[in-house]
N, C-alpha and C. Protein backbone atom coordinates (compact mmCIF):
# COMPACT_ATOMS: atom_id res chain seq x y z
N MET A 1 38.66 21.19 14.30
CA MET A 1 39.52 20.59 13.14
C MET A 1 38.74 19.88 12.28
N ASN A 2 39.08 19.94 10.94
CA ASN A 2 38.18 19.37 9.97
C ASN A 2 38.35 17.85 9.78
N PRO A 3 37.63 17.16 9.01
CA PRO A 3 37.84 15.71 8.77
C PRO A 3 38.94 15.86 7.62
N ILE A 4 39.57 14.60 7.44
CA ILE A 4 40.60 14.42 6.34
C ILE A 4 40.01 14.76 4.86
N ILE A 5 38.70 13.87 4.93
CA ILE A 5 37.72 14.08 3.76
C ILE A 5 36.42 14.40 4.04
N LYS A 6 35.86 15.17 3.27
CA LYS A 6 34.38 15.51 3.59
C LYS A 6 33.66 15.50 2.18
N TYR A 7 32.56 14.77 2.10
CA TYR A 7 31.98 14.70 0.73
C TYR A 7 30.58 15.27 1.11
N VAL A 8 30.25 16.24 0.23
CA VAL A 8 28.96 16.99 0.71
C VAL A 8 28.17 16.70 -0.83
N ASP A 9 26.91 15.98 -0.72
CA ASP A 9 26.11 16.00 -1.74
C ASP A 9 25.01 17.16 -1.81
N LEU A 10 25.55 18.12 -2.78
CA LEU A 10 24.75 19.21 -2.83
C LEU A 10 23.57 19.09 -3.58
N LYS A 11 23.47 18.27 -4.46
CA LYS A 11 22.20 18.08 -5.25
C LYS A 11 22.18 16.38 -5.88
N THR A 12 21.35 15.65 -5.40
CA THR A 12 21.15 14.34 -6.14
C THR A 12 20.65 14.62 -7.43
N PRO A 13 21.38 13.80 -8.30
CA PRO A 13 21.02 13.92 -9.84
C PRO A 13 19.76 13.53 -10.25
N SER A 14 19.34 14.49 -11.00
CA SER A 14 17.92 14.03 -11.38
C SER A 14 17.55 13.58 -12.93
N PHE A 15 18.76 13.13 -13.32
CA PHE A 15 18.67 12.55 -14.70
C PHE A 15 18.35 11.08 -14.62
N GLY A 16 17.89 10.50 -13.72
CA GLY A 16 17.64 8.97 -13.58
C GLY A 16 18.57 8.15 -13.23
N THR A 17 19.89 8.33 -13.44
CA THR A 17 20.92 7.50 -12.80
C THR A 17 21.17 8.13 -11.44
N ASN A 18 21.68 7.17 -10.73
CA ASN A 18 22.17 7.57 -9.27
C ASN A 18 23.51 7.07 -8.99
N ILE A 19 24.32 8.10 -9.30
CA ILE A 19 25.90 7.96 -9.17
C ILE A 19 26.29 8.25 -7.74
N PRO A 20 27.13 7.03 -7.26
CA PRO A 20 27.28 7.15 -5.67
C PRO A 20 28.21 8.52 -5.61
N LEU A 21 28.16 9.02 -4.32
CA LEU A 21 28.74 10.43 -4.11
C LEU A 21 30.35 10.24 -4.02
N VAL A 22 30.93 8.94 -3.42
CA VAL A 22 32.08 8.80 -3.18
C VAL A 22 32.65 7.95 -4.55
N ARG A 23 33.42 8.56 -5.16
CA ARG A 23 33.94 8.13 -6.54
C ARG A 23 35.68 8.34 -6.52
N LYS A 24 36.17 7.54 -7.33
CA LYS A 24 37.64 7.80 -7.44
C LYS A 24 37.86 8.45 -8.91
N ARG A 25 38.86 9.38 -8.87
CA ARG A 25 39.06 10.15 -10.04
C ARG A 25 40.04 9.48 -11.09
N VAL A 26 39.99 9.02 -12.02
CA VAL A 26 40.79 8.35 -12.80
C VAL A 26 41.50 9.23 -14.01
N ALA A 27 40.82 10.13 -14.52
CA ALA A 27 41.15 11.11 -15.50
C ALA A 27 40.23 12.36 -15.45
N LYS A 28 40.70 13.25 -15.98
CA LYS A 28 39.74 14.44 -16.08
C LYS A 28 38.38 14.00 -16.62
N ASN A 29 37.45 14.48 -15.86
CA ASN A 29 36.18 14.12 -16.05
C ASN A 29 35.67 12.54 -16.17
N VAL A 30 36.61 11.79 -15.64
CA VAL A 30 36.23 10.18 -15.53
C VAL A 30 36.68 9.82 -14.23
N THR A 31 35.32 9.26 -13.38
CA THR A 31 35.35 8.71 -12.29
C THR A 31 35.07 7.28 -12.09
N ARG A 32 35.34 6.49 -11.27
CA ARG A 32 34.74 5.35 -10.99
C ARG A 32 34.44 4.86 -9.57
N ASN A 33 33.72 3.87 -9.32
CA ASN A 33 33.81 3.41 -7.93
C ASN A 33 35.09 2.79 -7.53
N PHE A 34 35.33 2.90 -6.08
CA PHE A 34 36.37 2.28 -5.40
C PHE A 34 35.98 0.85 -5.43
N ASN A 35 37.26 -0.07 -6.00
CA ASN A 35 36.96 -1.64 -6.14
C ASN A 35 36.39 -2.09 -4.75
N ASP A 36 37.07 -1.68 -3.56
CA ASP A 36 36.69 -2.14 -2.12
C ASP A 36 37.11 -1.25 -1.17
N LYS A 37 36.87 -1.53 0.25
CA LYS A 37 37.16 -0.53 1.36
C LYS A 37 38.79 -0.58 1.34
N GLN A 38 39.43 -1.44 0.96
CA GLN A 38 40.92 -1.37 1.12
C GLN A 38 41.53 -0.45 0.35
N GLU A 39 41.20 -0.31 -1.05
CA GLU A 39 41.38 0.69 -2.09
C GLU A 39 41.01 2.21 -1.56
N PHE A 40 39.80 2.21 -1.01
CA PHE A 40 39.33 3.53 -0.64
C PHE A 40 40.25 3.92 0.58
N VAL A 41 40.47 2.95 1.62
CA VAL A 41 41.50 3.53 2.70
C VAL A 41 42.82 3.77 2.27
N GLU A 42 43.37 3.01 1.24
CA GLU A 42 44.57 3.45 0.71
C GLU A 42 44.74 4.91 -0.01
N TYR A 43 43.57 5.11 -0.46
CA TYR A 43 43.33 6.27 -1.22
C TYR A 43 43.29 7.40 -0.01
N VAL A 44 42.74 7.26 0.93
CA VAL A 44 42.81 8.29 2.04
C VAL A 44 43.90 8.37 2.79
N GLU A 45 44.55 7.32 3.06
CA GLU A 45 46.09 7.32 3.63
C GLU A 45 46.87 7.91 2.70
N SER A 46 47.02 7.91 1.26
CA SER A 46 47.87 8.70 0.62
C SER A 46 47.75 10.09 0.73
N ILE A 47 46.84 10.61 1.25
CA ILE A 47 46.58 12.14 1.43
C ILE A 47 47.43 12.76 2.60
N LYS A 48 48.01 11.72 3.54
CA LYS A 48 49.00 12.05 4.68
C LYS A 48 47.85 13.01 5.37
N PRO A 49 46.98 12.25 6.20
CA PRO A 49 46.33 13.11 7.20
C PRO A 49 47.08 13.70 8.25
N SER A 50 46.54 15.03 8.63
CA SER A 50 46.90 15.60 9.84
C SER A 50 46.47 14.93 10.94
N ARG A 51 47.37 14.82 12.03
CA ARG A 51 47.01 14.21 13.36
C ARG A 51 46.09 15.14 14.19
N ARG A 52 45.79 16.25 13.68
CA ARG A 52 44.82 17.14 14.50
C ARG A 52 43.54 17.14 14.03
N VAL A 53 43.13 16.32 12.96
CA VAL A 53 41.75 16.33 12.54
C VAL A 53 40.85 15.78 13.42
N ASN A 54 39.60 16.06 13.46
CA ASN A 54 38.65 15.41 14.26
C ASN A 54 37.86 14.24 13.83
N ALA A 55 38.01 13.86 12.41
CA ALA A 55 37.25 12.85 11.83
C ALA A 55 38.18 12.20 10.68
N TYR A 56 38.04 11.13 10.47
CA TYR A 56 38.61 10.50 9.33
C TYR A 56 37.84 10.75 7.92
N LEU A 57 36.59 10.77 7.94
CA LEU A 57 35.64 10.81 6.84
C LEU A 57 34.33 11.38 7.49
N THR A 58 33.80 12.29 6.69
CA THR A 58 32.46 12.74 6.68
C THR A 58 31.74 12.85 5.34
N ILE A 59 30.40 12.33 5.48
CA ILE A 59 29.72 12.27 4.39
C ILE A 59 28.40 13.13 4.50
N ASP A 60 28.00 14.15 3.79
CA ASP A 60 26.77 14.59 4.18
C ASP A 60 25.83 14.67 3.14
N CYS A 61 24.76 13.87 3.30
CA CYS A 61 23.77 13.66 2.15
C CYS A 61 22.90 14.79 2.03
N SER A 62 22.36 15.02 0.67
CA SER A 62 21.40 16.14 0.60
C SER A 62 20.15 16.12 1.55
N CYS A 63 19.82 15.12 2.02
CA CYS A 63 18.87 14.87 2.80
C CYS A 63 18.95 15.39 4.14
N GLY A 64 20.17 15.78 4.58
CA GLY A 64 20.38 16.37 5.86
C GLY A 64 21.31 15.35 6.82
N LYS A 65 21.08 14.03 6.40
CA LYS A 65 21.72 13.04 7.31
C LYS A 65 23.34 13.03 7.10
N MET A 66 24.04 12.96 8.14
CA MET A 66 25.48 12.95 8.20
C MET A 66 26.16 11.69 8.47
N TYR A 67 27.14 11.39 7.95
CA TYR A 67 27.58 10.06 8.43
C TYR A 67 29.24 10.49 8.60
N GLU A 68 29.64 9.91 9.90
CA GLU A 68 31.03 10.47 10.42
C GLU A 68 31.74 9.43 10.87
N TYR A 69 32.90 9.18 10.33
CA TYR A 69 33.71 8.01 10.67
C TYR A 69 35.00 8.57 11.63
N LYS A 70 35.32 8.14 12.53
CA LYS A 70 36.59 8.56 13.27
C LYS A 70 37.85 8.15 12.87
N ASP A 71 37.76 6.78 12.28
CA ASP A 71 38.98 6.35 11.95
C ASP A 71 38.68 5.11 10.79
N GLN A 72 39.61 4.69 10.17
CA GLN A 72 39.38 3.72 8.95
C GLN A 72 38.68 2.48 9.40
N ASN A 73 38.52 1.99 10.66
CA ASN A 73 38.06 0.77 10.74
C ASN A 73 36.43 0.85 10.94
N GLU A 74 35.95 2.17 11.00
CA GLU A 74 34.70 2.40 11.14
C GLU A 74 34.05 2.51 9.72
N ILE A 75 34.89 2.92 8.57
CA ILE A 75 34.27 2.98 7.35
C ILE A 75 33.51 1.68 6.91
N PRO A 76 32.37 1.66 6.19
CA PRO A 76 31.59 0.45 6.04
C PRO A 76 32.42 -0.45 5.04
N SER A 77 32.31 -1.81 5.29
CA SER A 77 33.20 -2.77 4.10
C SER A 77 32.12 -2.86 3.04
N SER A 78 30.80 -2.64 3.25
CA SER A 78 30.08 -2.81 2.14
C SER A 78 29.39 -1.68 1.68
N ASN A 79 28.64 -1.57 0.77
CA ASN A 79 27.95 -0.45 0.26
C ASN A 79 26.94 0.35 1.36
N LEU A 80 27.32 1.72 1.24
CA LEU A 80 26.50 2.80 2.12
C LEU A 80 25.57 3.18 1.31
N ILE A 81 24.31 3.22 1.59
CA ILE A 81 22.94 3.75 0.98
C ILE A 81 22.39 4.37 2.18
N CYS A 82 22.06 5.96 1.95
CA CYS A 82 21.44 6.59 3.06
C CYS A 82 19.86 6.16 3.27
N ASP A 83 19.26 6.58 4.18
CA ASP A 83 18.00 6.23 4.48
C ASP A 83 17.04 6.77 3.28
N CYS A 84 17.47 8.03 2.79
CA CYS A 84 16.72 8.55 1.71
C CYS A 84 16.88 7.84 0.30
N LYS A 85 17.66 6.75 0.17
CA LYS A 85 17.92 6.14 -0.94
C LYS A 85 19.10 6.58 -1.74
N ARG A 86 19.65 7.44 -1.21
CA ARG A 86 20.92 8.01 -2.03
C ARG A 86 21.98 7.28 -2.05
N GLU A 87 22.71 6.91 -2.95
CA GLU A 87 23.95 5.97 -2.89
C GLU A 87 25.01 6.86 -2.64
N LEU A 88 25.56 6.51 -1.47
CA LEU A 88 27.04 7.29 -0.99
C LEU A 88 28.12 6.53 -1.31
N ILE A 89 28.08 5.14 -0.88
CA ILE A 89 29.45 4.45 -1.37
C ILE A 89 29.12 3.19 -2.01
N ILE A 90 29.46 3.04 -3.22
CA ILE A 90 29.12 1.70 -3.85
C ILE A 90 30.47 1.26 -4.32
N TYR A 91 30.94 -0.17 -3.59
CA TYR A 91 32.22 -0.68 -4.17
C TYR A 91 31.92 -1.51 -5.32
N GLY A 92 33.04 -1.55 -6.33
CA GLY A 92 32.89 -2.26 -7.30
C GLY A 92 31.92 -1.65 -8.51
N GLU A 93 31.54 -2.35 -9.50
CA GLU A 93 30.69 -1.86 -10.68
C GLU A 93 29.44 -1.03 -10.09
């Protein structure tokens, strides 16, 4: 089965700013960082996950490294930056 949410970094931005991969859509073409882990978990839970999924969250960085979290307790409470320096989850501004 598939994870509840899978973020795939197909291409790291090359225009100088490093926008985190995991963001909240607030309007068409407008996104922002999640304020904290709690807000992110609430968002995931609002999706009404199937009980047959094999992962809660999967993040695939363009460098090839994969981050898989089996449940909400495993999601990092602080920013997640890949070994290649790609920002995957940044909480707050």
